[in-house]
């Protein structure tokens, strides 16, 4: 079970880094490098940013839950 949680933690960590880098900042973020930059007048850009934010929060909560589960398992085994 610990091995499954450790693998899930690694996958979630990489996904979380990718999602954070994909967020658009003042410079356009990593998404702007790959043609993902939308024009300021696009109404879809707000929806895309909101969905990306929700996905990032969900992955962060899953990462946190995985960390807590690993800590509980480590203290129970000690």
PDB file of N, CA and C in Angstrom:
ATOM      1  N   UNK A   1       0.819  -1.195   0.000  1.00  0.00           N
ATOM      2  CA  UNK A   1       0.000   0.000   0.000  1.00  0.00           C
ATOM      3  C   UNK A   1       0.869   1.267   0.000  1.00  0.00           C
ATOM      4  N   UNK A   2       1.974   1.183   0.723  1.00  0.00           N
ATOM      5  CA  UNK A   2       2.868   2.337   0.783  1.00  0.00           C
ATOM      6  C   UNK A   2       3.469   2.614  -0.588  1.00  0.00           C
ATOM      7  N   UNK A   3       3.806   1.541  -1.307  1.00  0.00           N
ATOM      8  CA  UNK A   3       4.378   1.713  -2.642  1.00  0.00           C
ATOM      9  C   UNK A   3       3.378   2.386  -3.575  1.00  0.00           C
ATOM     10  N   UNK A   4       2.121   2.011  -3.491  1.00  0.00           N
ATOM     11  CA  UNK A   4       1.082   2.624  -4.325  1.00  0.00           C
ATOM     12  C   UNK A   4       0.955   4.111  -3.994  1.00  0.00           C
ATOM     13  N   UNK A   5       0.980   4.453  -2.723  1.00  0.00           N
ATOM     14  CA  UNK A   5       0.885   5.855  -2.325  1.00  0.00           C
ATOM     15  C   UNK A   5       2.109   6.653  -2.760  1.00  0.00           C
ATOM     16  N   UNK A   6       3.280   6.036  -2.692  1.00  0.00           N
ATOM     17  CA  UNK A   6       4.489   6.735  -3.130  1.00  0.00           C
ATOM     18  C   UNK A   6       4.473   6.993  -4.637  1.00  0.00           C
ATOM     19  N   UNK A   7       4.016   6.029  -5.406  1.00  0.00           N
ATOM     20  CA  UNK A   7       3.913   6.228  -6.857  1.00  0.00           C
ATOM     21  C   UNK A   7       2.876   7.295  -7.165  1.00  0.00           C
ATOM     22  N   UNK A   8       1.724   7.238  -6.468  1.00  0.00           N
ATOM     23  CA  UNK A   8       0.688   8.257  -6.666  1.00  0.00           C
ATOM     24  C   UNK A   8       1.218   9.639  -6.298  1.00  0.00           C
ATOM     25  N   UNK A   9       2.012   9.722  -5.245  1.00  0.00           N
ATOM     26  CA  UNK A   9       2.579  11.001  -4.827  1.00  0.00           C
ATOM     27  C   UNK A   9       3.525  11.560  -5.888  1.00  0.00           C
ATOM     28  N   UNK A  10       4.334  10.698  -6.476  1.00  0.00           N
ATOM     29  CA  UNK A  10       5.246  11.166  -7.531  1.00  0.00           C
ATOM     30  C   UNK A  10       4.477  11.660  -8.754  1.00  0.00           C
ATOM     31  N   UNK A  11       3.455  10.909  -9.158  1.00  0.00           N
ATOM     32  CA  UNK A  11       2.662  11.308 -10.323  1.00  0.00           C
ATOM     33  C   UNK A  11       1.928  12.620 -10.042  1.00  0.00           C
ATOM     34  N   UNK A  12       1.327  12.719  -8.858  1.00  0.00           N
ATOM     35  CA  UNK A  12       0.612  13.945  -8.494  1.00  0.00           C
ATOM     36  C   UNK A  12       1.559  15.133  -8.397  1.00  0.00           C
ATOM     37  N   UNK A  13       2.767  14.914  -7.922  1.00  0.00           N
ATOM     38  CA  UNK A  13       3.744  16.002  -7.824  1.00  0.00           C
ATOM     39  C   UNK A  13       4.101  16.542  -9.202  1.00  0.00           C
ATOM     40  N   UNK A  14       4.370  15.650 -10.133  1.00  0.00           N
ATOM     41  CA  UNK A  14       4.702  16.088 -11.494  1.00  0.00           C
ATOM     42  C   UNK A  14       3.517  16.786 -12.151  1.00  0.00           C
ATOM     43  N   UNK A  15       2.323  16.247 -11.944  1.00  0.00           N
ATOM     44  CA  UNK A  15       1.127  16.866 -12.517  1.00  0.00           C
ATOM     45  C   UNK A  15       0.887  18.242 -11.912  1.00  0.00           C
ATOM     46  N   UNK A  16       1.114  18.378 -10.622  1.00  0.00           N
ATOM     47  CA  UNK A  16       0.917  19.663  -9.960  1.00  0.00           C
ATOM     48  C   UNK A  16       1.904  20.712 -10.469  1.00  0.00           C
ATOM     49  N   UNK A  17       3.141  20.314 -10.670  1.00  0.00           N
ATOM     50  CA  UNK A  17       4.137  21.247 -11.224  1.00  0.00           C
ATOM     51  C   UNK A  17       3.717  21.691 -12.619  1.00  0.00           C
ATOM     52  N   UNK A  18       3.269  20.739 -13.443  1.00  0.00           N
ATOM     53  CA  UNK A  18       2.847  21.078 -14.801  1.00  0.00           C
ATOM     54  C   UNK A  18       1.641  22.010 -14.794  1.00  0.00           C
ATOM     55  N   UNK A  19       0.693  21.772 -13.901  1.00  0.00           N
ATOM     56  CA  UNK A  19      -0.497  22.619 -13.841  1.00  0.00           C
ATOM     57  C   UNK A  19      -0.156  24.028 -13.368  1.00  0.00           C
ATOM     58  N   UNK A  20       0.721  24.130 -12.395  1.00  0.00           N
ATOM     59  CA  UNK A  20       1.108  25.460 -11.902  1.00  0.00           C
ATOM     60  C   UNK A  20       1.845  26.234 -12.997  1.00  0.00           C
ATOM     61  N   UNK A  21       2.709  25.548 -13.741  1.00  0.00           N
ATOM     62  CA  UNK A  21       3.432  26.221 -14.812  1.00  0.00           C
ATOM     63  C   UNK A  21       2.513  26.602 -15.967  1.00  0.00           C
ATOM     64  N   UNK A  22       1.413  25.884 -16.134  1.00  0.00           N
ATOM     65  CA  UNK A  22       0.497  26.175 -17.238  1.00  0.00           C
ATOM     66  C   UNK A  22      -0.365  27.406 -16.960  1.00  0.00           C
ATOM     67  N   UNK A  23      -0.433  27.821 -15.713  1.00  0.00           N
ATOM     68  CA  UNK A  23      -1.237  29.009 -15.397  1.00  0.00           C
ATOM     69  C   UNK A  23      -0.668  30.237 -16.087  1.00  0.00           C
ATOM     70  N   UNK A  24      -1.556  31.073 -16.549  1.00  0.00           N
ATOM     71  CA  UNK A  24      -1.136  32.286 -17.246  1.00  0.00           C
ATOM     72  C   UNK A  24      -0.814  33.360 -16.213  1.00  0.00           C
ATOM     73  N   UNK A  25       0.358  33.882 -16.309  1.00  0.00           N
ATOM     74  CA  UNK A  25       0.719  35.016 -15.466  1.00  0.00           C
ATOM     75  C   UNK A  25       0.819  36.240 -16.364  1.00  0.00           C
ATOM     76  N   UNK A  26       1.476  37.260 -15.905  1.00  0.00           N
ATOM     77  CA  UNK A  26       1.612  38.453 -16.745  1.00  0.00           C
ATOM     78  C   UNK A  26       2.435  38.161 -17.993  1.00  0.00           C
ATOM     79  N   UNK A  27       3.300  37.158 -17.918  1.00  0.00           N
ATOM     80  CA  UNK A  27       4.119  36.808 -19.066  1.00  0.00           C
ATOM     81  C   UNK A  27       3.480  35.787 -19.981  1.00  0.00           C
ATOM     82  N   UNK A  28       2.340  35.255 -19.629  1.00  0.00           N
ATOM     83  CA  UNK A  28       1.669  34.286 -20.472  1.00  0.00           C
ATOM     84  C   UNK A  28       1.843  32.852 -20.016  1.00  0.00           C
ATOM     85  N   UNK A  29       2.737  32.579 -19.095  1.00  0.00           N
ATOM     86  CA  UNK A  29       2.929  31.227 -18.597  1.00  0.00           C
ATOM     87  C   UNK A  29       3.529  30.307 -19.643  1.00  0.00           C
ATOM     88  N   UNK A  30       3.649  29.054 -19.301  1.00  0.00           N
ATOM     89  CA  UNK A  30       4.200  28.070 -20.224  1.00  0.00           C
ATOM     90  C   UNK A  30       3.223  27.827 -21.373  1.00  0.00           C
ATOM     91  N   UNK A  31       1.937  28.006 -21.123  1.00  0.00           N
ATOM     92  CA  UNK A  31       0.939  27.788 -22.172  1.00  0.00           C
ATOM     93  C   UNK A  31       1.158  28.743 -23.347  1.00  0.00           C
ATOM     94  N   UNK A  32       1.662  29.925 -23.091  1.00  0.00           N
ATOM     95  CA  UNK A  32       1.920  30.881 -24.152  1.00  0.00           C
ATOM     96  C   UNK A  32       3.051  30.453 -25.071  1.00  0.00           C
ATOM     97  N   UNK A  33       3.971  29.648 -24.560  1.00  0.00           N
ATOM     98  CA  UNK A  33       5.073  29.162 -25.379  1.00  0.00           C
ATOM     99  C   UNK A  33       4.585  28.223 -26.471  1.00  0.00           C
ATOM    100  N   UNK A  34       3.513  27.484 -26.191  1.00  0.00           N
ATOM    101  CA  UNK A  34       3.032  26.475 -27.115  1.00  0.00           C
ATOM    102  C   UNK A  34       1.809  26.946 -27.894  1.00  0.00           C
ATOM    103  N   UNK A  35       1.620  28.230 -27.991  1.00  0.00           N
ATOM    104  CA  UNK A  35       0.513  28.758 -28.768  1.00  0.00           C
ATOM    105  C   UNK A  35      -0.795  28.786 -28.012  1.00  0.00           C
ATOM    106  N   UNK A  36      -0.757  28.581 -26.715  1.00  0.00           N
ATOM    107  CA  UNK A  36      -1.976  28.557 -25.933  1.00  0.00           C
ATOM    108  C   UNK A  36      -2.429  29.920 -25.458  1.00  0.00           C
ATOM    109  N   UNK A  37      -1.696  30.950 -25.820  1.00  0.00           N
ATOM    110  CA  UNK A  37      -2.042  32.296 -25.386  1.00  0.00           C
ATOM    111  C   UNK A  37      -3.278  32.772 -26.137  1.00  0.00           C
ATOM    112  N   UNK A  38      -4.270  33.208 -25.392  1.00  0.00           N
ATOM    113  CA  UNK A  38      -5.509  33.698 -25.981  1.00  0.00           C
ATOM    114  C   UNK A  38      -5.484  35.218 -26.042  1.00  0.00           C
ATOM    115  N   UNK A  39      -6.239  35.767 -26.941  1.00  0.00           N
ATOM    116  CA  UNK A  39      -6.327  37.219 -27.063  1.00  0.00           C
ATOM    117  C   UNK A  39      -7.085  37.786 -25.868  1.00  0.00           C
ATOM    118  N   UNK A  40      -6.785  39.010 -25.454  1.00  0.00           N
ATOM    119  CA  UNK A  40      -7.454  39.588 -24.292  1.00  0.00           C
ATOM    120  C   UNK A  40      -8.965  39.674 -24.441  1.00  0.00           C
ATOM    121  N   UNK A  41      -9.473  39.743 -25.658  1.00  0.00           N
ATOM    122  CA  UNK A  41     -10.907  39.859 -25.864  1.00  0.00           C
ATOM    123  C   UNK A  41     -11.638  38.538 -25.866  1.00  0.00           C
ATOM    124  N   UNK A  42     -10.925  37.433 -25.781  1.00  0.00           N
ATOM    125  CA  UNK A  42     -11.567  36.124 -25.816  1.00  0.00           C
ATOM    126  C   UNK A  42     -12.318  35.868 -24.517  1.00  0.00           C
ATOM    127  N   UNK A  43     -13.603  35.557 -24.652  1.00  0.00           N
ATOM    128  CA  UNK A  43     -14.406  35.287 -23.457  1.00  0.00           C
ATOM    129  C   UNK A  43     -14.119  33.892 -22.916  1.00  0.00           C
ATOM    130  N   UNK A  44     -13.578  33.008 -23.749  1.00  0.00           N
ATOM    131  CA  UNK A  44     -13.284  31.652 -23.299  1.00  0.00           C
ATOM    132  C   UNK A  44     -12.080  31.601 -22.370  1.00  0.00           C
ATOM    133  N   UNK A  45     -11.221  32.614 -22.402  1.00  0.00           N
ATOM    134  CA  UNK A  45     -10.015  32.572 -21.588  1.00  0.00           C
ATOM    135  C   UNK A  45     -10.335  32.551 -20.099  1.00  0.00           C
ATOM    136  N   UNK A  46     -11.418  33.222 -19.706  1.00  0.00           N
ATOM    137  CA  UNK A  46     -11.808  33.231 -18.294  1.00  0.00           C
ATOM    138  C   UNK A  46     -12.259  31.842 -17.880  1.00  0.00           C
ATOM    139  N   UNK A  47     -13.007  31.168 -18.734  1.00  0.00           N
ATOM    140  CA  UNK A  47     -13.497  29.826 -18.431  1.00  0.00           C
ATOM    141  C   UNK A  47     -12.337  28.839 -18.356  1.00  0.00           C
ATOM    142  N   UNK A  48     -11.397  28.963 -19.277  1.00  0.00           N
ATOM    143  CA  UNK A  48     -10.243  28.070 -19.285  1.00  0.00           C
ATOM    144  C   UNK A  48      -9.410  28.272 -18.026  1.00  0.00           C
ATOM    145  N   UNK A  49      -9.166  29.506 -17.649  1.00  0.00           N
ATOM    146  CA  UNK A  49      -8.393  29.788 -16.432  1.00  0.00           C
ATOM    147  C   UNK A  49      -9.098  29.259 -15.190  1.00  0.00           C
ATOM    148  N   UNK A  50     -10.415  29.430 -15.126  1.00  0.00           N
ATOM    149  CA  UNK A  50     -11.171  28.950 -13.975  1.00  0.00           C
ATOM    150  C   UNK A  50     -11.107  27.427 -13.887  1.00  0.00           C
ATOM    151  N   UNK A  51     -11.269  26.748 -15.021  1.00  0.00           N
ATOM    152  CA  UNK A  51     -11.194  25.288 -15.026  1.00  0.00           C
ATOM    153  C   UNK A  51      -9.796  24.798 -14.664  1.00  0.00           C
ATOM    154  N   UNK A  52      -8.774  25.488 -15.147  1.00  0.00           N
ATOM    155  CA  UNK A  52      -7.403  25.124 -14.801  1.00  0.00           C
ATOM    156  C   UNK A  52      -7.146  25.331 -13.312  1.00  0.00           C
ATOM    157  N   UNK A  53      -7.701  26.385 -12.753  1.00  0.00           N
ATOM    158  CA  UNK A  53      -7.564  26.631 -11.320  1.00  0.00           C
ATOM    159  C   UNK A  53      -8.255  25.538 -10.512  1.00  0.00           C
ATOM    160  N   UNK A  54      -9.457  25.158 -10.919  1.00  0.00           N
ATOM    161  CA  UNK A  54     -10.179  24.093 -10.203  1.00  0.00           C
ATOM    162  C   UNK A  54      -9.422  22.774 -10.281  1.00  0.00           C
ATOM    163  N   UNK A  55      -8.876  22.462 -11.447  1.00  0.00           N
ATOM    164  CA  UNK A  55      -8.107  21.230 -11.601  1.00  0.00           C
ATOM    165  C   UNK A  55      -6.845  21.268 -10.740  1.00  0.00           C
ATOM    166  N   UNK A  56      -6.184  22.416 -10.676  1.00  0.00           N
ATOM    167  CA  UNK A  56      -4.982  22.558  -9.857  1.00  0.00           C
ATOM    168  C   UNK A  56      -5.302  22.369  -8.379  1.00  0.00           C
ATOM    169  N   UNK A  57      -6.410  22.943  -7.923  1.00  0.00           N
ATOM    170  CA  UNK A  57      -6.811  22.789  -6.519  1.00  0.00           C
ATOM    171  C   UNK A  57      -7.148  21.330  -6.220  1.00  0.00           C
ATOM    172  N   UNK A  58      -7.834  20.657  -7.132  1.00  0.00           N
ATOM    173  CA  UNK A  58      -8.191  19.251  -6.921  1.00  0.00           C
ATOM    174  C   UNK A  58      -6.945  18.369  -6.835  1.00  0.00           C
ATOM    175  N   UNK A  59      -5.981  18.613  -7.706  1.00  0.00           N
ATOM    176  CA  UNK A  59      -4.736  17.834  -7.674  1.00  0.00           C
ATOM    177  C   UNK A  59      -3.952  18.150  -6.404  1.00  0.00           C
ATOM    178  N   UNK A  60      -3.948  19.402  -5.980  1.00  0.00           N
ATOM    179  CA  UNK A  60      -3.247  19.769  -4.744  1.00  0.00           C
ATOM    180  C   UNK A  60      -3.889  19.108  -3.530  1.00  0.00           C
ATOM    181  N   UNK A  61      -5.204  19.039  -3.496  1.00  0.00           N
ATOM    182  CA  UNK A  61      -5.886  18.362  -2.385  1.00  0.00           C
ATOM    183  C   UNK A  61      -5.606  16.864  -2.385  1.00  0.00           C
ATOM    184  N   UNK A  62      -5.565  16.258  -3.573  1.00  0.00           N
ATOM    185  CA  UNK A  62      -5.222  14.838  -3.669  1.00  0.00           C
ATOM    186  C   UNK A  62      -3.783  14.605  -3.211  1.00  0.00           C
ATOM    187  N   UNK A  63      -2.875  15.509  -3.579  1.00  0.00           N
ATOM    188  CA  UNK A  63      -1.481  15.413  -3.146  1.00  0.00           C
ATOM    189  C   UNK A  63      -1.383  15.510  -1.623  1.00  0.00           C
ATOM    190  N   UNK A  64      -2.116  16.457  -1.056  1.00  0.00           N
ATOM    191  CA  UNK A  64      -2.108  16.630   0.393  1.00  0.00           C
ATOM    192  C   UNK A  64      -2.676  15.393   1.092  1.00  0.00           C
ATOM    193  N   UNK A  65      -3.762  14.845   0.557  1.00  0.00           N
ATOM    194  CA  UNK A  65      -4.346  13.635   1.136  1.00  0.00           C
ATOM    195  C   UNK A  65      -3.392  12.458   1.076  1.00  0.00           C
ATOM    196  N   UNK A  66      -2.660  12.362  -0.008  1.00  0.00           N
ATOM    197  CA  UNK A  66      -1.666  11.305  -0.158  1.00  0.00           C
ATOM    198  C   UNK A  66      -0.550  11.462   0.879  1.00  0.00           C
ATOM    199  N   UNK A  67      -0.131  12.702   1.095  1.00  0.00           N
ATOM    200  CA  UNK A  67       0.902  12.956   2.107  1.00  0.00           C
ATOM    201  C   UNK A  67       0.421  12.595   3.510  1.00  0.00           C
ATOM    202  N   UNK A  68      -0.802  12.960   3.833  1.00  0.00           N
ATOM    203  CA  UNK A  68      -1.360  12.637   5.155  1.00  0.00           C
ATOM    204  C   UNK A  68      -1.465  11.126   5.330  1.00  0.00           C
ATOM    205  N   UNK A  69      -1.926  10.425   4.292  1.00  0.00           N
ATOM    206  CA  UNK A  69      -2.031   8.973   4.367  1.00  0.00           C
ATOM    207  C   UNK A  69      -0.664   8.326   4.588  1.00  0.00           C
ATOM    208  N   UNK A  70       0.355   8.833   3.919  1.00  0.00           N
ATOM    209  CA  UNK A  70       1.702   8.309   4.110  1.00  0.00           C
ATOM    210  C   UNK A  70       2.221   8.573   5.511  1.00  0.00           C
ATOM    211  N   UNK A  71       1.914   9.776   6.052  1.00  0.00           N
ATOM    212  CA  UNK A  71       2.354  10.086   7.417  1.00  0.00           C
ATOM    213  C   UNK A  71       1.664   9.195   8.435  1.00  0.00           C
ATOM    214  N   UNK A  72       0.369   8.947   8.244  1.00  0.00           N
ATOM    215  CA  UNK A  72      -0.368   8.077   9.168  1.00  0.00           C
ATOM    216  C   UNK A  72       0.183   6.656   9.109  1.00  0.00           C
ATOM    217  N   UNK A  73       0.455   6.197   7.909  1.00  0.00           N
ATOM    218  CA  UNK A  73       1.003   4.834   7.773  1.00  0.00           C
ATOM    219  C   UNK A  73       2.404   4.727   8.379  1.00  0.00           C
ATOM    220  N   UNK A  74       3.198   5.804   8.244  1.00  0.00           N
ATOM    221  CA  UNK A  74       4.555   5.781   8.786  1.00  0.00           C
ATOM    222  C   UNK A  74       4.534   5.790  10.323  1.00  0.00           C
ATOM    223  N   UNK A  75       3.627   6.572  10.900  1.00  0.00           N
ATOM    224  CA  UNK A  75       3.572   6.618  12.372  1.00  0.00           C
ATOM    225  C   UNK A  75       2.929   5.364  12.941  1.00  0.00           C
ATOM    226  N   UNK A  76       2.040   4.739  12.206  1.00  0.00           N
ATOM    227  CA  UNK A  76       1.419   3.505  12.690  1.00  0.00           C
ATOM    228  C   UNK A  76       2.404   2.350  12.669  1.00  0.00           C
ATOM    229  N   UNK A  77       3.318   2.374  11.727  1.00  0.00           N
ATOM    230  CA  UNK A  77       4.303   1.313  11.619  1.00  0.00           C
ATOM    231  C   UNK A  77       5.483   1.479  12.550  1.00  0.00           C
ATOM    232  N   UNK A  78       5.653   2.664  13.113  1.00  0.00           N
ATOM    233  CA  UNK A  78       6.830   2.926  13.972  1.00  0.00           C
ATOM    234  C   UNK A  78       6.603   2.525  15.400  1.00  0.00           C
TER     235      UNK A  78
END
